[in-house]
Amino acid sequence: MKRLLLLLFILLISVEVSFAGSADKVLEKYKKATGGDVVKKLKTTLITGTAQKVGAVEQEAGSFSYTFSEPDKLLFELTTQQEKYRICFNGKSVWKEDSKGAKTVLGDEKKNFRLYSILLNSRLRDLSKYKISNKLAEKTTIENKDAVAVDFSLLDASTRIFFDVSSNLPINLQYQISDSTEEIVFSDYRKVEKTVEPFQIRIKSSVGEYLLNVSEVNYNRSVDQKTFLFPQPEGQTLPDVEQLLTAVMANQKQVQERREFYTFRKTETTNQRDGKGEIKETETNVYDVIPVSREFVEKLVIKNGKELSESERKKEDKRVEKEIAEIRKEQQKRENNQKKKKKDDDDDERVNILAILQTSEVTSVRRENFRDHEVIAFDFEPRKSFKPKNRAENIINKLAGTFFVDEQAKQIVRLEAKFLDSFKIGGGLLASISPNTAFVFEQEKIRDEIWLPSYAEINISAKALLFVKFNQDTIFKYSDYKKYQTDVETKFDED
């Protein structure tokens, strides 16, 4: 009896191990069912058909379309007699449009829709290059079919896809939009050229349930990339873009200069991720930051929720005082050797908001609401005629994203940016930064007197020295700004 129980236990463990390690097998079966590598030749896909709101009378039927353009652009359009809805990821930002107008999608909703766009565009191929992880979630019954669910994750975004165990094709997809779960049901698969497509799609969302019947599927047709741009509303009064940018750049230069006269506190939370994007380690540190000779010196005060011990505090104080002394020594050396110009050259090597504004091309200028405050938003991308002169400009020339500007203050309130292409340092021998690298930056008015950084988020995916992979995301929060007298000796309390 004991031997029987032992064998049963071993069998259960074996089944569990097999189940846990079979996500890649599920994807391999799916790829085979959809034509193997033939789909890699699909650069664009246009799917059109009729749309019917479930429960509505037949006369209210409308139309829909999906437009895909590699590697990650997606536009979904739904039109009925009663409503019109569009949502799009254009490679830089996510926007959606309904009866209330168009707006840029931010936060988790943006991250989840971007992941959704990549999954559909890639047809679940080569996900590792996007740092998308996958794992088997459960075996279940859904849509009256035996299915296996696979979870796909990209940083904080996640999507669950259920695969029919008999056909190996997706029958249900779920992801978060705002506070609700968007559910998409696929059925009636038919062969199109050398792959297959679902000819019936049911969308269940917070705005209603729709039945989509596919009429036509076209591959590799020319798609005007302007299709994915933020829609320009009619009759909207906009400021002169050139004048606005001139004022914003002047103010941003002041922000960077005046920031050197304030101390502040920085809270830094970093997630180290493995090759599949899973979090393997999290660390949160709090620093007191002081400006010294155009540099910022950070003093660690809290490590992973715990204040430093007395011995750790004294050691940190000595380290900081040594760093300050070295900075001032270097400053004195530059002044004595009259090499201040070199310091200015060093500033040119820095990637900052001012440099991005100076070297980018602006598109899709519009009015939007950001945290209940009207702002001017515009997308940016590399200026085709711009020729980089240094490393910083080479980096900037690969960035695209969106600025949000307070029109009255002529100040930047938010910046979102991502790499359009990889960036190599030392020809890739020293480091190679992946296109998955992206960042967010926010500023706000402090004590009704000055605009200063309040929040930043950086997602880095890179490879160092050809072999060492580096994946992490870090959130920075800035607070407790205080004016700082720079010409006094810097000391820290011992208590």
Protein backbone atom coordinates (compact mmCIF):
# COMPACT_ATOMS: atom_id res chain seq x y z
CA MET A 1 0.00 0.00 0.00
CA LYS A 2 2.82 2.39 0.91
CA ARG A 3 4.55 1.56 -2.36
CA LEU A 4 1.34 2.25 -4.29
CA LEU A 5 0.94 5.63 -2.58
CA LEU A 6 4.57 6.46 -3.33
CA LEU A 7 4.11 5.59 -7.01
CA LEU A 8 0.93 7.68 -7.12
CA PHE A 9 2.76 10.62 -5.52
CA ILE A 10 5.62 10.33 -8.05
CA LEU A 11 3.07 10.18 -10.89
CA LEU A 12 1.34 13.34 -9.65
CA ILE A 13 4.65 15.17 -9.34
CA SER A 14 5.62 14.07 -12.86
CA VAL A 15 2.33 15.32 -14.28
CA GLU A 16 2.76 18.64 -12.50
CA VAL A 17 6.34 19.07 -13.75
CA SER A 18 5.26 18.16 -17.28
CA PHE A 19 2.39 20.65 -17.08
CA ALA A 20 4.56 23.45 -15.70
CA GLY A 21 7.23 23.04 -18.35
CA SER A 22 5.01 22.72 -21.42
CA ALA A 23 4.20 26.37 -22.28
CA ASP A 24 6.80 26.33 -25.05
CA LYS A 25 5.34 23.07 -26.36
CA VAL A 26 1.90 24.69 -26.55
CA LEU A 27 3.37 27.53 -28.60
CA GLU A 28 5.24 25.14 -30.89
CA LYS A 29 1.99 23.28 -31.63
CA TYR A 30 0.26 26.61 -32.29
CA LYS A 31 3.00 27.71 -34.69
CA LYS A 32 2.73 24.44 -36.60
CA ALA A 33 -1.08 24.78 -36.78
CA THR A 34 -0.75 28.29 -38.25
CA GLY A 35 1.75 27.50 -41.00
CA GLY A 36 5.10 27.53 -39.27
CA ASP A 37 7.55 30.24 -40.35
CA VAL A 38 5.44 31.27 -43.34
CA VAL A 39 3.74 33.96 -41.22
CA LYS A 40 7.09 35.72 -40.74
CA LYS A 41 6.68 36.95 -44.31
CA LEU A 42 3.52 38.85 -43.36
CA LYS A 43 4.49 42.52 -43.02
CA THR A 44 0.94 43.91 -42.85
CA THR A 45 -2.49 42.38 -42.26
CA LEU A 46 -5.90 43.97 -42.86
CA ILE A 47 -8.99 42.19 -41.53
CA THR A 48 -12.44 43.64 -42.27
CA GLY A 49 -16.03 42.58 -41.74
CA THR A 50 -19.38 43.32 -40.13
CA ALA A 51 -20.01 44.14 -36.48
CA GLN A 52 -23.17 43.52 -34.50
CA LYS A 53 -23.75 44.60 -30.93
CA VAL A 54 -25.12 41.62 -29.06
CA GLY A 55 -28.77 42.26 -28.22
CA ALA A 56 -29.20 45.01 -30.83
CA VAL A 57 -31.57 44.71 -33.81
CA GLU A 58 -30.10 43.60 -37.13
CA GLN A 59 -30.53 47.05 -38.71
CA GLU A 60 -27.92 48.41 -36.28
CA ALA A 61 -25.13 46.23 -37.66
CA GLY A 62 -21.93 48.09 -38.50
CA SER A 63 -18.37 47.37 -39.57
CA PHE A 64 -14.98 46.70 -38.06
CA SER A 65 -11.35 46.46 -39.11
CA TYR A 66 -8.02 45.33 -37.70
CA THR A 67 -4.92 46.88 -39.28
CA PHE A 68 -1.54 45.37 -38.36
CA SER A 69 1.88 46.66 -39.41
CA GLU A 70 5.06 45.01 -38.19
CA PRO A 71 6.66 44.98 -35.76
CA ASP A 72 4.01 46.17 -33.30
CA LYS A 73 1.52 48.67 -34.77
CA LEU A 74 -2.17 47.88 -34.40
CA LEU A 75 -5.35 49.86 -35.14
CA PHE A 76 -8.79 48.46 -34.27
CA GLU A 77 -11.87 50.30 -35.56
CA LEU A 78 -15.51 49.59 -34.75
CA THR A 79 -18.38 51.56 -36.28
CA THR A 80 -22.14 51.15 -35.81
CA GLN A 81 -25.09 53.48 -36.24
CA GLN A 82 -24.90 54.28 -32.55
CA GLU A 83 -21.18 54.59 -31.90
CA LYS A 84 -17.65 54.74 -33.22
CA TYR A 85 -14.66 53.39 -31.35
CA ARG A 86 -10.98 53.17 -32.24
CA ILE A 87 -7.89 52.13 -30.28
CA CYS A 88 -4.35 52.11 -31.61
CA PHE A 89 -0.74 51.45 -30.70
CA ASN A 90 1.44 53.31 -33.20
CA GLY A 91 4.83 52.14 -31.96
CA LYS A 92 5.21 55.22 -29.75
CA SER A 93 1.98 55.69 -27.84
CA VAL A 94 -1.50 54.24 -27.37
CA TRP A 95 -4.54 56.35 -28.18
CA LYS A 96 -8.25 55.66 -28.30
CA GLU A 97 -11.25 57.55 -29.65
CA ASP A 98 -14.94 57.32 -28.82
CA SER A 99 -17.96 59.62 -28.69
CA LYS A 100 -16.16 61.78 -26.09
CA GLY A 101 -13.19 62.38 -28.37
CA ALA A 102 -9.63 61.08 -28.67
CA LYS A 103 -7.08 60.78 -25.88
CA THR A 104 -3.69 59.26 -25.18
CA VAL A 105 -3.79 56.11 -23.06
CA LEU A 106 -1.33 56.02 -20.16
CA GLY A 107 -0.20 53.74 -17.35
CA ASP A 108 -1.14 50.07 -17.08
CA GLU A 109 -3.77 50.31 -19.82
CA LYS A 110 -1.10 51.46 -22.26
CA LYS A 111 1.31 48.71 -21.21
CA ASN A 112 -1.35 46.00 -21.58
CA PHE A 113 -2.51 47.18 -25.00
CA ARG A 114 1.09 47.41 -26.24
CA LEU A 115 1.65 43.80 -25.16
CA TYR A 116 -1.59 42.79 -26.89
CA SER A 117 -0.40 44.55 -30.07
CA ILE A 118 2.96 42.79 -30.04
CA LEU A 119 1.36 39.36 -29.48
CA LEU A 120 -1.05 39.77 -32.39
CA ASN A 121 1.53 41.31 -34.71
CA SER A 122 4.18 38.67 -33.99
CA ARG A 123 1.66 35.82 -34.07
CA LEU A 124 3.51 34.60 -30.96
CA ARG A 125 6.82 34.24 -32.80
CA ASP A 126 10.23 35.46 -31.53
CA LEU A 127 8.76 36.74 -28.26
CA SER A 128 12.15 36.62 -26.51
CA LYS A 129 13.41 39.59 -28.53
CA TYR A 130 10.64 41.66 -26.92
CA LYS A 131 11.51 40.22 -23.47
CA ILE A 132 8.02 38.71 -23.27
CA SER A 133 7.86 35.77 -20.87
CA ASN A 134 5.35 32.93 -21.01
CA LYS A 135 4.23 30.28 -18.58
CA LEU A 136 1.49 27.70 -18.44
CA ALA A 137 -1.35 28.90 -16.22
CA GLU A 138 -4.00 26.18 -16.11
CA LYS A 139 -5.86 23.43 -17.90
CA THR A 140 -9.56 24.20 -18.07
CA THR A 141 -12.74 24.09 -20.11
CA ILE A 142 -13.67 27.29 -21.92
CA GLU A 143 -16.04 27.93 -24.82
CA ASN A 144 -17.17 24.31 -24.26
CA LYS A 145 -13.71 23.07 -25.25
CA ASP A 146 -10.80 21.57 -23.36
CA ALA A 147 -8.13 24.24 -23.29
CA VAL A 148 -4.77 25.13 -21.84
CA ALA A 149 -4.02 28.71 -20.76
CA VAL A 150 -0.68 30.45 -21.25
CA ASP A 151 0.18 33.73 -19.51
CA PHE A 152 2.30 36.24 -21.44
CA SER A 153 4.05 39.02 -19.51
CA LEU A 154 6.03 42.12 -20.43
CA LEU A 155 7.17 43.97 -17.33
CA ASP A 156 3.91 44.78 -15.46
CA ALA A 157 1.62 43.94 -18.41
CA SER A 158 0.02 40.53 -18.84
CA THR A 159 -2.27 38.71 -21.28
CA ARG A 160 -3.77 35.24 -20.97
CA ILE A 161 -4.49 33.14 -24.06
CA PHE A 162 -6.47 29.87 -24.01
CA PHE A 163 -5.54 27.30 -26.67
CA ASP A 164 -7.89 24.55 -27.85
CA VAL A 165 -6.05 21.30 -27.06
CA SER A 166 -7.43 19.59 -30.18
CA SER A 167 -6.73 22.29 -32.81
CA ASN A 168 -3.88 24.06 -30.92
CA LEU A 169 -5.43 27.40 -31.93
CA PRO A 170 -6.36 30.32 -29.64
CA ILE A 171 -10.01 30.35 -28.64
CA ASN A 172 -9.99 33.01 -25.93
CA LEU A 173 -7.76 35.97 -25.04
CA GLN A 174 -8.00 38.14 -21.91
CA TYR A 175 -6.22 41.33 -20.85
CA GLN A 176 -6.90 44.33 -18.63
CA ILE A 177 -8.31 47.63 -19.93
CA SER A 178 -8.71 50.17 -17.12
CA ASP A 179 -10.49 48.35 -14.29
CA SER A 180 -12.16 45.69 -16.44
CA THR A 181 -11.09 42.57 -18.31
CA GLU A 182 -11.27 42.67 -22.07
CA GLU A 183 -12.18 39.22 -23.41
CA ILE A 184 -11.87 38.20 -27.06
CA VAL A 185 -13.27 34.87 -28.30
CA PHE A 186 -11.99 33.36 -31.58
CA SER A 187 -13.84 30.74 -33.63
CA ASP A 188 -14.59 29.51 -37.16
CA TYR A 189 -10.96 29.23 -38.23
CA ARG A 190 -10.44 29.05 -42.00
CA LYS A 191 -7.41 28.70 -44.20
CA VAL A 192 -6.15 31.94 -45.76
CA GLU A 193 -3.25 31.47 -48.13
CA LYS A 194 -0.75 29.35 -46.12
CA THR A 195 -2.02 30.17 -42.63
CA VAL A 196 -5.37 30.28 -40.78
CA GLU A 197 -7.51 33.10 -39.41
CA PRO A 198 -10.60 33.21 -37.16
CA PHE A 199 -13.63 34.31 -39.17
CA GLN A 200 -15.78 34.98 -36.12
CA ILE A 201 -14.62 37.13 -33.19
CA ARG A 202 -16.63 37.99 -30.11
CA ILE A 203 -15.46 40.94 -28.00
CA LYS A 204 -16.65 41.27 -24.41
CA SER A 205 -15.73 44.55 -22.73
CA SER A 206 -16.97 47.22 -20.34
CA VAL A 207 -18.54 49.13 -23.25
CA GLY A 208 -20.55 46.16 -24.48
CA GLU A 209 -20.40 42.85 -26.30
CA TYR A 210 -19.89 42.68 -30.05
CA LEU A 211 -19.96 39.89 -32.61
CA LEU A 212 -17.54 40.41 -35.49
CA ASN A 213 -17.89 38.39 -38.71
CA VAL A 214 -14.82 38.52 -40.92
CA SER A 215 -15.48 39.19 -44.61
CA GLU A 216 -11.97 39.64 -45.96
CA VAL A 217 -8.32 39.13 -44.95
CA ASN A 218 -5.50 40.77 -46.90
CA TYR A 219 -1.76 40.37 -46.36
CA ASN A 220 1.18 42.58 -47.31
CA ARG A 221 -0.89 45.41 -48.71
CA SER A 222 0.60 48.89 -48.54
CA VAL A 223 -0.52 50.65 -45.35
CA ASP A 224 -0.19 54.41 -44.98
CA GLN A 225 1.69 54.86 -41.69
CA LYS A 226 -0.28 58.06 -41.09
CA THR A 227 -3.21 55.72 -40.38
CA PHE A 228 -1.73 55.11 -36.93
CA LEU A 229 -1.22 58.77 -36.01
CA PHE A 230 -3.28 60.41 -33.29
CA PRO A 231 -6.51 61.72 -34.91
CA GLN A 232 -6.57 65.48 -35.43
CA PRO A 233 -9.87 66.86 -34.09
CA GLU A 234 -11.67 69.39 -36.24
CA GLY A 235 -12.07 72.94 -34.99
CA GLN A 236 -9.54 72.58 -32.16
CA THR A 237 -7.54 75.77 -31.56
CA LEU A 238 -3.87 75.04 -31.08
CA PRO A 239 -0.96 77.32 -30.16
CA ASP A 240 1.83 78.12 -32.58
CA VAL A 241 4.01 75.01 -32.29
CA GLU A 242 7.31 76.76 -32.97
CA GLN A 243 6.66 79.46 -30.38
CA LEU A 244 5.49 76.86 -27.86
CA LEU A 245 8.61 74.72 -28.32
CA THR A 246 10.88 77.76 -28.08
CA ALA A 247 9.30 78.74 -24.74
CA VAL A 248 9.34 75.14 -23.46
CA MET A 249 13.03 74.71 -24.31
CA ALA A 250 13.93 77.99 -22.57
CA ASN A 251 11.99 76.98 -19.46
CA GLN A 252 13.47 73.47 -19.48
CA LYS A 253 16.96 74.95 -19.54
CA GLN A 254 16.03 77.00 -16.47
CA VAL A 255 14.68 73.88 -14.74
CA GLN A 256 17.96 72.06 -15.29
CA GLU A 257 19.95 75.05 -14.03
CA ARG A 258 17.74 75.87 -11.01
CA ARG A 259 17.52 72.25 -9.93
CA GLU A 260 21.14 72.61 -8.82
CA PHE A 261 19.99 74.89 -6.00
CA TYR A 262 17.70 72.34 -4.33
CA THR A 263 18.23 69.32 -2.15
CA PHE A 264 15.62 66.59 -2.36
CA ARG A 265 14.77 63.02 -1.42
CA LYS A 266 14.78 60.22 -3.99
CA THR A 267 13.01 56.89 -3.50
CA GLU A 268 14.29 54.26 -5.92
CA THR A 269 12.64 50.87 -6.48
CA THR A 270 14.41 48.45 -8.83
CA ASN A 271 13.20 45.10 -10.15
CA GLN A 272 15.91 42.83 -11.54
CA ARG A 273 14.46 40.47 -14.15
CA ASP A 274 15.66 37.23 -15.67
CA GLY A 275 15.97 36.49 -19.39
CA LYS A 276 12.23 35.77 -19.64
CA GLY A 277 11.20 38.98 -17.89
CA GLU A 278 10.29 37.39 -14.55
CA ILE A 279 11.21 39.40 -11.44
CA LYS A 280 14.05 37.69 -9.57
CA GLU A 281 14.94 40.45 -7.11
CA THR A 282 13.44 43.74 -5.87
CA GLU A 283 15.28 46.47 -3.98
CA THR A 284 13.98 49.79 -2.63
CA ASN A 285 16.37 52.48 -1.41
CA VAL A 286 15.84 56.05 -0.23
CA TYR A 287 18.48 58.74 -0.74
CA ASP A 288 18.99 62.32 0.39
CA VAL A 289 20.37 64.18 -2.61
CA ILE A 290 22.44 67.39 -2.64
CA PRO A 291 23.83 69.34 -5.60
CA VAL A 292 27.59 69.84 -5.70
CA SER A 293 29.33 71.68 -8.54
CA ARG A 294 26.66 70.75 -11.11
CA GLU A 295 26.65 67.14 -9.93
CA PHE A 296 24.20 65.36 -7.61
CA VAL A 297 25.52 63.42 -4.63
CA GLU A 298 23.28 60.75 -3.12
CA LYS A 299 23.39 59.69 0.50
CA LEU A 300 21.68 56.39 1.30
CA VAL A 301 19.34 56.72 4.33
CA ILE A 302 16.93 53.75 4.02
CA LYS A 303 17.69 50.36 2.47
CA ASN A 304 14.79 47.99 1.72
CA GLY A 305 12.53 49.64 4.29
CA LYS A 306 15.12 49.77 7.09
CA GLU A 307 17.08 52.79 8.24
CA LEU A 308 20.83 52.37 8.28
CA SER A 309 22.47 51.27 11.51
CA GLU A 310 24.80 53.68 13.28
CA SER A 311 27.91 52.04 11.82
CA GLU A 312 26.35 51.95 8.32
CA ARG A 313 25.37 55.61 8.63
CA LYS A 314 28.88 56.68 9.64
CA LYS A 315 30.37 54.67 6.77
CA GLU A 316 27.93 56.26 4.32
CA ASP A 317 28.70 59.75 5.65
CA LYS A 318 32.42 59.22 5.06
CA ARG A 319 31.77 57.91 1.55
CA VAL A 320 29.62 60.93 0.69
CA GLU A 321 32.10 63.43 2.13
CA LYS A 322 34.88 61.78 0.11
CA GLU A 323 32.77 61.98 -3.06
CA ILE A 324 32.03 65.66 -2.45
CA ALA A 325 35.70 66.38 -1.86
CA GLU A 326 36.64 64.64 -5.11
CA ILE A 327 34.02 66.57 -7.09
CA ARG A 328 35.24 69.89 -5.70
CA LYS A 329 38.84 68.92 -6.33
CA GLU A 330 38.01 68.19 -9.97
CA GLN A 331 36.13 71.47 -10.21
CA GLN A 332 39.13 73.39 -8.85
CA LYS A 333 41.44 71.60 -11.28
CA ARG A 334 39.24 72.60 -14.21
CA GLU A 335 39.13 76.20 -13.07
CA ASN A 336 42.89 76.35 -12.54
CA ASN A 337 43.56 74.85 -15.97
CA GLN A 338 40.85 76.97 -17.56
CA LYS A 339 39.05 73.91 -18.89
CA LYS A 340 35.54 75.01 -18.18
CA LYS A 341 34.74 74.53 -21.86
CA LYS A 342 35.37 70.82 -21.45
CA LYS A 343 32.73 70.75 -18.73
CA ASP A 344 30.31 72.36 -21.18
CA ASP A 345 31.23 69.65 -23.67
CA ASP A 346 30.47 67.06 -21.02
CA ASP A 347 27.01 68.60 -20.65
CA ASP A 348 26.51 68.12 -24.40
CA GLU A 349 27.13 64.42 -23.85
CA ARG A 350 24.15 64.12 -21.49
CA VAL A 351 20.77 62.77 -22.57
CA ASN A 352 18.14 65.18 -21.23
CA ILE A 353 14.76 66.64 -22.15
CA LEU A 354 16.26 69.78 -23.64
CA ALA A 355 18.42 67.75 -26.03
CA ILE A 356 15.41 65.63 -27.09
CA LEU A 357 13.38 68.76 -27.87
CA GLN A 358 16.22 70.26 -29.89
CA THR A 359 16.81 67.24 -32.10
CA SER A 360 13.37 65.69 -32.72
CA GLU A 361 10.54 66.14 -35.18
CA VAL A 362 7.11 66.93 -33.73
CA THR A 363 3.85 65.34 -34.96
CA SER A 364 0.20 65.03 -33.86
CA VAL A 365 -0.09 68.23 -31.81
CA ARG A 366 -3.37 68.23 -29.85
CA ARG A 367 -5.16 69.22 -26.66
CA GLU A 368 -5.69 66.59 -23.98
CA ASN A 369 -6.54 66.18 -20.31
CA PHE A 370 -3.78 64.97 -18.03
CA ARG A 371 -4.86 64.37 -14.43
CA ASP A 372 -7.86 66.70 -14.82
CA HIS A 373 -5.70 69.47 -16.27
CA GLU A 374 -5.73 70.56 -19.93
CA VAL A 375 -2.35 70.17 -21.63
CA ILE A 376 -0.85 70.33 -25.10
CA ALA A 377 0.39 66.91 -26.18
CA PHE A 378 2.56 66.02 -29.16
CA ASP A 379 4.43 62.98 -30.41
CA PHE A 380 8.07 63.15 -31.40
CA GLU A 381 10.38 61.01 -33.50
CA PRO A 382 13.93 61.30 -34.89
CA ARG A 383 14.36 64.19 -37.29
CA LYS A 384 15.40 62.69 -40.61
CA SER A 385 17.73 65.55 -41.49
CA PHE A 386 19.47 65.55 -38.10
CA LYS A 387 23.08 64.35 -37.97
CA PRO A 388 24.28 63.32 -34.48
CA LYS A 389 27.57 64.84 -33.32
CA ASN A 390 28.16 62.83 -30.13
CA ARG A 391 27.01 59.76 -28.19
CA ALA A 392 24.09 61.54 -26.49
CA GLU A 393 22.71 62.71 -29.82
CA ASN A 394 23.16 59.22 -31.27
CA ILE A 395 20.99 57.88 -28.43
CA ILE A 396 18.35 60.61 -28.84
CA ASN A 397 18.22 59.95 -32.57
CA LYS A 398 16.74 56.51 -31.81
CA LEU A 399 13.99 57.75 -29.46
CA ALA A 400 10.29 58.35 -30.11
CA GLY A 401 7.45 59.13 -27.75
CA THR A 402 5.05 61.77 -26.43
CA PHE A 403 5.39 65.08 -24.57
CA PHE A 404 2.66 66.63 -22.41
CA VAL A 405 3.06 70.38 -21.87
CA ASP A 406 1.29 72.80 -19.52
CA GLU A 407 0.29 75.49 -22.03
CA GLN A 408 0.08 78.34 -19.53
CA ALA A 409 3.34 77.59 -17.72
CA LYS A 410 5.11 76.37 -20.90
CA GLN A 411 6.47 73.49 -18.83
CA ILE A 412 6.73 69.76 -19.49
CA VAL A 413 4.50 67.73 -17.18
CA ARG A 414 5.18 64.30 -18.67
CA LEU A 415 7.45 62.62 -21.20
CA GLU A 416 7.16 59.05 -22.50
CA ALA A 417 9.87 57.66 -24.79
CA LYS A 418 11.13 54.35 -26.14
CA PHE A 419 13.95 53.19 -28.38
CA LEU A 420 12.96 52.53 -32.00
CA ASP A 421 16.14 50.60 -32.65
CA SER A 422 19.00 49.04 -30.71
CA PHE A 423 21.88 51.26 -29.62
CA LYS A 424 25.39 49.86 -29.49
CA ILE A 425 28.30 51.12 -27.41
CA GLY A 426 31.76 50.23 -28.63
CA GLY A 427 30.28 48.54 -31.68
CA GLY A 428 28.28 46.27 -29.36
CA LEU A 429 31.41 44.95 -27.62
CA LEU A 430 30.81 47.03 -24.48
CA ALA A 431 27.01 47.13 -24.49
CA SER A 432 23.95 46.88 -26.70
CA ILE A 433 20.68 48.52 -25.61
CA SER A 434 17.51 46.77 -26.78
CA PRO A 435 14.55 48.53 -28.48
CA ASN A 436 12.50 47.36 -25.47
CA THR A 437 14.19 50.06 -23.39
CA ALA A 438 11.79 52.87 -22.47
CA PHE A 439 11.32 55.60 -19.89
CA VAL A 440 8.77 57.99 -18.37
CA PHE A 441 9.54 61.36 -16.79
CA GLU A 442 7.23 63.80 -14.95
CA GLN A 443 7.59 67.31 -13.52
CA GLU A 444 5.35 69.34 -11.26
CA LYS A 445 5.28 72.78 -9.68
CA ILE A 446 6.88 72.79 -6.23
CA ARG A 447 5.45 75.15 -3.60
CA ASP A 448 3.98 77.26 -6.39
CA GLU A 449 7.44 78.60 -7.30
CA ILE A 450 9.41 76.22 -9.53
CA TRP A 451 8.89 73.17 -11.77
CA LEU A 452 11.04 70.20 -10.78
CA PRO A 453 11.13 66.42 -11.44
CA SER A 454 8.57 64.41 -9.44
CA TYR A 455 8.60 60.93 -11.00
CA ALA A 456 10.59 58.79 -13.43
CA GLU A 457 10.38 55.23 -14.68
CA ILE A 458 13.08 53.44 -16.66
CA ASN A 459 12.82 49.98 -18.23
CA ILE A 460 16.24 48.81 -19.45
CA SER A 461 16.95 45.79 -21.58
CA ALA A 462 20.58 45.45 -22.63
CA LYS A 463 23.51 43.15 -23.16
CA ALA A 464 26.96 43.97 -21.78
CA LEU A 465 30.29 42.58 -23.01
CA LEU A 466 28.42 40.43 -25.58
CA PHE A 467 27.29 37.84 -23.03
CA VAL A 468 25.88 39.46 -19.87
CA LYS A 469 22.13 40.16 -20.22
CA PHE A 470 20.76 43.04 -18.20
CA ASN A 471 17.00 43.50 -17.64
CA GLN A 472 15.59 45.78 -14.99
CA ASP A 473 12.91 48.38 -14.39
CA THR A 474 13.32 51.20 -11.90
CA ILE A 475 10.86 53.73 -10.50
CA PHE A 476 12.15 57.02 -9.06
CA LYS A 477 10.04 59.30 -6.87
CA TYR A 478 11.34 62.77 -5.98
CA SER A 479 10.09 64.73 -2.95
CA ASP A 480 10.99 67.11 -0.10
CA TYR A 481 12.64 69.78 -2.26
CA LYS A 482 14.46 72.45 -0.22
CA LYS A 483 16.56 75.39 -1.30
CA TYR A 484 20.23 74.69 -0.78
CA GLN A 485 23.08 77.11 -0.06
CA THR A 486 25.86 75.83 -2.30
CA ASP A 487 28.73 77.88 -0.91
CA VAL A 488 28.68 76.40 2.60
CA GLU A 489 30.56 73.38 3.80
CA THR A 490 28.56 70.16 3.52
CA LYS A 491 28.09 68.23 6.76
CA PHE A 492 25.78 65.43 7.84
CA ASP A 493 24.30 64.90 11.30
CA GLU A 494 25.75 62.03 13.28
CA ASP A 495 22.44 61.19 14.97
